[in-house]
């Protein structure tokens, strides 16, 4: 997987997940990798980018809002969300936006 997602011509949607972590791994890395694998199998998934220092930012890209809704409702993803609230995150925020334009080199 490329570090920068190869997204199609807009419009499409971005889910921006920003978080601060608790101490220790507590199974986080294994679950994070599994969530990427699972998301890649979902209809409408376009790609993902992620970085972590003091604040983690993961941006996943989706074809439409229904694809995002279906991903949020995925049973394995729901379990990861529940575990994250309990063990992995001090705080987090989810933002959903429509990408109207993109460009780069």
N, C-alpha and C. Protein backbone atom coordinates (compact mmCIF):
# COMPACT_ATOMS: atom_id res chain seq x y z
N UNK A 1 0.84 -1.18 0.00
CA UNK A 1 0.00 0.00 0.00
C UNK A 1 0.89 1.24 0.00
N UNK A 2 0.55 2.21 -0.84
CA UNK A 2 1.27 3.47 -0.90
C UNK A 2 0.98 4.29 0.36
N UNK A 3 1.91 5.15 0.73
CA UNK A 3 1.73 6.03 1.88
C UNK A 3 0.62 7.06 1.60
N UNK A 4 0.56 7.52 0.34
CA UNK A 4 -0.49 8.46 -0.06
C UNK A 4 -1.50 7.70 -0.92
N UNK A 5 -2.76 7.76 -0.55
CA UNK A 5 -3.82 7.03 -1.25
C UNK A 5 -3.96 7.52 -2.68
N UNK A 6 -4.17 6.60 -3.59
CA UNK A 6 -4.40 6.91 -5.00
C UNK A 6 -5.91 7.01 -5.21
N UNK A 7 -6.44 8.19 -4.98
CA UNK A 7 -7.89 8.41 -5.04
C UNK A 7 -8.32 8.80 -6.45
N UNK A 8 -9.60 8.57 -6.77
CA UNK A 8 -10.11 8.91 -8.09
C UNK A 8 -10.39 10.41 -8.21
N UNK A 9 -10.83 10.80 -9.37
CA UNK A 9 -11.25 12.18 -9.59
C UNK A 9 -12.43 12.49 -8.66
N UNK A 10 -12.40 13.64 -7.95
CA UNK A 10 -13.52 14.01 -7.07
C UNK A 10 -14.81 14.20 -7.87
N UNK A 11 -15.93 14.16 -7.19
CA UNK A 11 -16.07 14.17 -5.73
C UNK A 11 -16.04 12.76 -5.14
N UNK A 12 -15.58 12.70 -3.91
CA UNK A 12 -15.64 11.51 -3.06
C UNK A 12 -15.61 12.02 -1.63
N UNK A 13 -15.59 11.13 -0.66
CA UNK A 13 -15.70 11.53 0.74
C UNK A 13 -14.49 11.08 1.54
N UNK A 14 -14.17 11.85 2.57
CA UNK A 14 -13.08 11.53 3.49
C UNK A 14 -13.62 11.42 4.91
N UNK A 15 -13.21 10.37 5.60
CA UNK A 15 -13.48 10.23 7.03
C UNK A 15 -12.16 10.50 7.73
N UNK A 16 -12.13 11.54 8.54
CA UNK A 16 -10.91 11.96 9.22
C UNK A 16 -11.04 11.58 10.70
N UNK A 17 -10.21 10.64 11.12
CA UNK A 17 -10.22 10.15 12.50
C UNK A 17 -8.97 10.67 13.19
N UNK A 18 -9.15 11.57 14.15
CA UNK A 18 -8.05 12.16 14.90
C UNK A 18 -8.12 11.65 16.34
N UNK A 19 -6.97 11.23 16.89
CA UNK A 19 -7.02 10.62 18.22
C UNK A 19 -5.75 10.88 19.03
N UNK A 20 -5.92 10.77 20.34
CA UNK A 20 -4.79 10.66 21.26
C UNK A 20 -4.94 9.31 21.95
N UNK A 21 -3.82 8.65 22.16
CA UNK A 21 -3.80 7.28 22.65
C UNK A 21 -3.53 7.22 24.15
N UNK A 22 -3.96 6.10 24.73
CA UNK A 22 -3.58 5.75 26.09
C UNK A 22 -2.18 5.12 26.04
N UNK A 23 -1.59 4.86 27.18
CA UNK A 23 -0.27 4.23 27.25
C UNK A 23 -0.36 2.76 26.87
N UNK A 24 0.69 2.26 26.23
CA UNK A 24 0.79 0.85 25.89
C UNK A 24 0.02 0.48 24.63
N UNK A 25 0.38 -0.66 24.07
CA UNK A 25 -0.24 -1.11 22.83
C UNK A 25 -1.59 -1.77 23.09
N UNK A 26 -1.65 -2.69 24.03
CA UNK A 26 -2.89 -3.38 24.41
C UNK A 26 -3.64 -3.96 23.20
N UNK A 27 -2.90 -4.45 22.21
CA UNK A 27 -3.51 -5.04 21.03
C UNK A 27 -3.89 -4.05 19.94
N UNK A 28 -3.54 -2.79 20.12
CA UNK A 28 -3.94 -1.75 19.18
C UNK A 28 -3.38 -1.97 17.77
N UNK A 29 -2.07 -2.20 17.65
CA UNK A 29 -1.46 -2.34 16.33
C UNK A 29 -2.08 -3.48 15.53
N UNK A 30 -2.31 -4.59 16.18
CA UNK A 30 -2.93 -5.74 15.51
C UNK A 30 -4.33 -5.38 15.01
N UNK A 31 -5.10 -4.71 15.84
CA UNK A 31 -6.46 -4.35 15.45
C UNK A 31 -6.45 -3.27 14.36
N UNK A 32 -5.54 -2.30 14.46
CA UNK A 32 -5.45 -1.25 13.43
C UNK A 32 -5.15 -1.86 12.08
N UNK A 33 -4.21 -2.80 12.04
CA UNK A 33 -3.89 -3.48 10.78
C UNK A 33 -5.09 -4.27 10.26
N UNK A 34 -5.80 -4.92 11.16
CA UNK A 34 -6.99 -5.68 10.75
C UNK A 34 -8.06 -4.76 10.20
N UNK A 35 -8.24 -3.58 10.79
CA UNK A 35 -9.26 -2.65 10.30
C UNK A 35 -8.94 -2.16 8.89
N UNK A 36 -7.67 -1.96 8.59
CA UNK A 36 -7.29 -1.56 7.23
C UNK A 36 -7.60 -2.70 6.26
N UNK A 37 -7.22 -3.92 6.63
CA UNK A 37 -7.52 -5.09 5.79
C UNK A 37 -9.03 -5.22 5.54
N UNK A 38 -9.80 -5.05 6.58
CA UNK A 38 -11.25 -5.17 6.47
C UNK A 38 -11.85 -4.03 5.65
N UNK A 39 -11.39 -2.81 5.87
CA UNK A 39 -11.89 -1.66 5.12
C UNK A 39 -11.63 -1.85 3.63
N UNK A 40 -10.45 -2.37 3.29
CA UNK A 40 -10.10 -2.59 1.88
C UNK A 40 -11.08 -3.53 1.18
N UNK A 41 -11.79 -4.35 1.92
CA UNK A 41 -12.76 -5.29 1.36
C UNK A 41 -14.16 -4.69 1.21
N UNK A 42 -14.36 -3.50 1.76
CA UNK A 42 -15.69 -2.90 1.78
C UNK A 42 -16.00 -2.20 0.46
N UNK A 43 -17.23 -2.39 -0.05
CA UNK A 43 -17.63 -1.64 -1.25
C UNK A 43 -17.53 -0.13 -1.00
N UNK A 44 -16.98 0.58 -1.96
CA UNK A 44 -16.86 2.03 -1.86
C UNK A 44 -15.58 2.52 -1.23
N UNK A 45 -14.75 1.62 -0.69
CA UNK A 45 -13.49 2.04 -0.09
C UNK A 45 -12.51 2.46 -1.19
N UNK A 46 -11.85 3.61 -1.01
CA UNK A 46 -10.94 4.14 -2.02
C UNK A 46 -9.48 4.18 -1.58
N UNK A 47 -9.23 4.22 -0.28
CA UNK A 47 -7.85 4.28 0.20
C UNK A 47 -7.79 4.83 1.61
N UNK A 48 -6.57 4.82 2.17
CA UNK A 48 -6.37 5.29 3.54
C UNK A 48 -4.97 5.87 3.68
N UNK A 49 -4.85 6.87 4.54
CA UNK A 49 -3.57 7.46 4.91
C UNK A 49 -3.57 7.61 6.43
N UNK A 50 -2.40 7.38 7.04
CA UNK A 50 -2.35 7.45 8.50
C UNK A 50 -0.98 7.91 8.97
N UNK A 51 -0.98 8.70 10.05
CA UNK A 51 0.26 9.16 10.68
C UNK A 51 0.01 9.29 12.18
N UNK A 52 1.07 9.02 12.96
CA UNK A 52 0.93 9.14 14.41
C UNK A 52 2.21 9.67 15.02
N UNK A 53 2.05 10.70 15.80
CA UNK A 53 3.09 11.20 16.71
C UNK A 53 2.36 11.38 18.04
N UNK A 54 2.25 12.61 18.50
CA UNK A 54 1.46 12.86 19.71
C UNK A 54 -0.03 12.72 19.41
N UNK A 55 -0.41 13.09 18.20
CA UNK A 55 -1.79 12.97 17.74
C UNK A 55 -1.79 12.05 16.54
N UNK A 56 -2.72 11.11 16.50
CA UNK A 56 -2.85 10.23 15.35
C UNK A 56 -3.93 10.77 14.42
N UNK A 57 -3.66 10.70 13.13
CA UNK A 57 -4.64 11.12 12.14
C UNK A 57 -4.72 10.02 11.08
N UNK A 58 -5.90 9.48 10.90
CA UNK A 58 -6.15 8.51 9.85
C UNK A 58 -7.27 9.06 8.98
N UNK A 59 -7.01 9.12 7.69
CA UNK A 59 -8.02 9.59 6.74
C UNK A 59 -8.34 8.42 5.81
N UNK A 60 -9.60 8.01 5.81
CA UNK A 60 -10.03 7.00 4.85
C UNK A 60 -10.92 7.67 3.83
N UNK A 61 -10.83 7.18 2.60
CA UNK A 61 -11.56 7.78 1.49
C UNK A 61 -12.61 6.80 0.98
N UNK A 62 -13.79 7.35 0.67
CA UNK A 62 -14.95 6.53 0.32
C UNK A 62 -15.68 7.14 -0.87
N UNK A 63 -16.31 6.29 -1.65
CA UNK A 63 -17.02 6.72 -2.85
C UNK A 63 -18.25 7.55 -2.52
N UNK A 64 -18.93 7.20 -1.41
CA UNK A 64 -20.19 7.88 -1.09
C UNK A 64 -20.52 7.72 0.39
N UNK A 65 -21.54 8.43 0.83
CA UNK A 65 -21.93 8.40 2.24
C UNK A 65 -22.49 7.05 2.66
N UNK A 66 -23.17 6.34 1.76
CA UNK A 66 -23.68 5.00 2.10
C UNK A 66 -22.54 4.04 2.40
N UNK A 67 -21.44 4.14 1.67
CA UNK A 67 -20.28 3.29 1.94
C UNK A 67 -19.72 3.55 3.34
N UNK A 68 -19.68 4.82 3.73
CA UNK A 68 -19.21 5.18 5.07
C UNK A 68 -20.16 4.62 6.12
N UNK A 69 -21.44 4.77 5.90
CA UNK A 69 -22.45 4.27 6.84
C UNK A 69 -22.32 2.75 7.01
N UNK A 70 -22.14 2.05 5.91
CA UNK A 70 -22.00 0.59 5.97
C UNK A 70 -20.72 0.18 6.70
N UNK A 71 -19.63 0.92 6.49
CA UNK A 71 -18.38 0.64 7.19
C UNK A 71 -18.55 0.85 8.69
N UNK A 72 -19.19 1.94 9.07
CA UNK A 72 -19.40 2.22 10.49
C UNK A 72 -20.20 1.12 11.16
N UNK A 73 -21.13 0.49 10.41
CA UNK A 73 -22.01 -0.54 10.96
C UNK A 73 -21.43 -1.95 10.87
N UNK A 74 -20.26 -2.12 10.25
CA UNK A 74 -19.64 -3.44 10.14
C UNK A 74 -19.41 -4.01 11.54
N UNK A 75 -19.80 -5.27 11.76
CA UNK A 75 -19.76 -5.85 13.11
C UNK A 75 -18.35 -5.89 13.71
N UNK A 76 -17.37 -6.24 12.92
CA UNK A 76 -16.00 -6.29 13.43
C UNK A 76 -15.49 -4.88 13.72
N UNK A 77 -15.87 -3.92 12.88
CA UNK A 77 -15.50 -2.53 13.11
C UNK A 77 -16.19 -1.99 14.37
N UNK A 78 -17.44 -2.37 14.59
CA UNK A 78 -18.15 -1.96 15.80
C UNK A 78 -17.43 -2.45 17.06
N UNK A 79 -16.94 -3.69 17.00
CA UNK A 79 -16.20 -4.24 18.15
C UNK A 79 -14.90 -3.47 18.38
N UNK A 80 -14.20 -3.10 17.30
CA UNK A 80 -12.98 -2.30 17.43
C UNK A 80 -13.29 -0.93 18.02
N UNK A 81 -14.40 -0.32 17.60
CA UNK A 81 -14.80 0.97 18.15
C UNK A 81 -15.03 0.88 19.66
N UNK A 82 -15.73 -0.17 20.06
CA UNK A 82 -16.03 -0.37 21.49
C UNK A 82 -14.73 -0.56 22.29
N UNK A 83 -13.84 -1.37 21.77
CA UNK A 83 -12.56 -1.61 22.45
C UNK A 83 -11.73 -0.33 22.50
N UNK A 84 -11.75 0.43 21.41
CA UNK A 84 -11.00 1.69 21.37
C UNK A 84 -11.45 2.67 22.43
N UNK A 85 -12.77 2.80 22.58
CA UNK A 85 -13.30 3.71 23.62
C UNK A 85 -12.86 3.28 25.01
N UNK A 86 -12.79 1.96 25.20
CA UNK A 86 -12.50 1.42 26.54
C UNK A 86 -11.00 1.40 26.86
N UNK A 87 -10.16 1.08 25.87
CA UNK A 87 -8.74 0.82 26.16
C UNK A 87 -7.74 1.70 25.43
N UNK A 88 -7.99 2.13 24.20
CA UNK A 88 -6.93 2.69 23.36
C UNK A 88 -6.89 4.20 23.27
N UNK A 89 -8.02 4.86 23.43
CA UNK A 89 -8.06 6.29 23.16
C UNK A 89 -8.35 7.12 24.40
N UNK A 90 -7.52 8.15 24.60
CA UNK A 90 -7.84 9.17 25.61
C UNK A 90 -8.91 10.08 25.05
N UNK A 91 -8.79 10.39 23.76
CA UNK A 91 -9.79 11.22 23.09
C UNK A 91 -9.75 10.92 21.60
N UNK A 92 -10.86 11.20 20.92
CA UNK A 92 -10.88 11.08 19.46
C UNK A 92 -12.00 11.95 18.90
N UNK A 93 -11.89 12.21 17.62
CA UNK A 93 -12.90 12.98 16.89
C UNK A 93 -12.98 12.39 15.49
N UNK A 94 -14.20 12.26 14.99
CA UNK A 94 -14.44 11.80 13.62
C UNK A 94 -15.09 12.94 12.85
N UNK A 95 -14.53 13.21 11.69
CA UNK A 95 -15.08 14.24 10.81
C UNK A 95 -15.28 13.61 9.43
N UNK A 96 -16.39 13.94 8.80
CA UNK A 96 -16.68 13.44 7.46
C UNK A 96 -16.83 14.63 6.54
N UNK A 97 -16.11 14.59 5.44
CA UNK A 97 -16.15 15.71 4.52
C UNK A 97 -16.22 15.24 3.07
N UNK A 98 -16.74 16.09 2.23
CA UNK A 98 -16.79 15.82 0.80
C UNK A 98 -15.56 16.47 0.16
N UNK A 99 -14.83 15.67 -0.60
CA UNK A 99 -13.67 16.17 -1.33
C UNK A 99 -14.16 16.69 -2.67
N UNK A 100 -13.98 17.97 -2.86
CA UNK A 100 -14.42 18.62 -4.09
C UNK A 100 -13.30 18.73 -5.13
N UNK A 101 -12.06 18.80 -4.62
CA UNK A 101 -10.91 18.98 -5.51
C UNK A 101 -9.70 18.35 -4.86
N UNK A 102 -8.83 17.75 -5.65
CA UNK A 102 -7.53 17.31 -5.16
C UNK A 102 -6.49 17.50 -6.27
N UNK A 103 -5.25 17.68 -5.84
CA UNK A 103 -4.15 17.84 -6.80
C UNK A 103 -2.85 17.55 -6.07
N UNK A 104 -1.80 17.29 -6.80
CA UNK A 104 -0.50 17.02 -6.20
C UNK A 104 0.48 16.54 -7.25
N UNK A 105 1.64 16.09 -6.78
CA UNK A 105 2.66 15.55 -7.68
C UNK A 105 2.94 14.11 -7.33
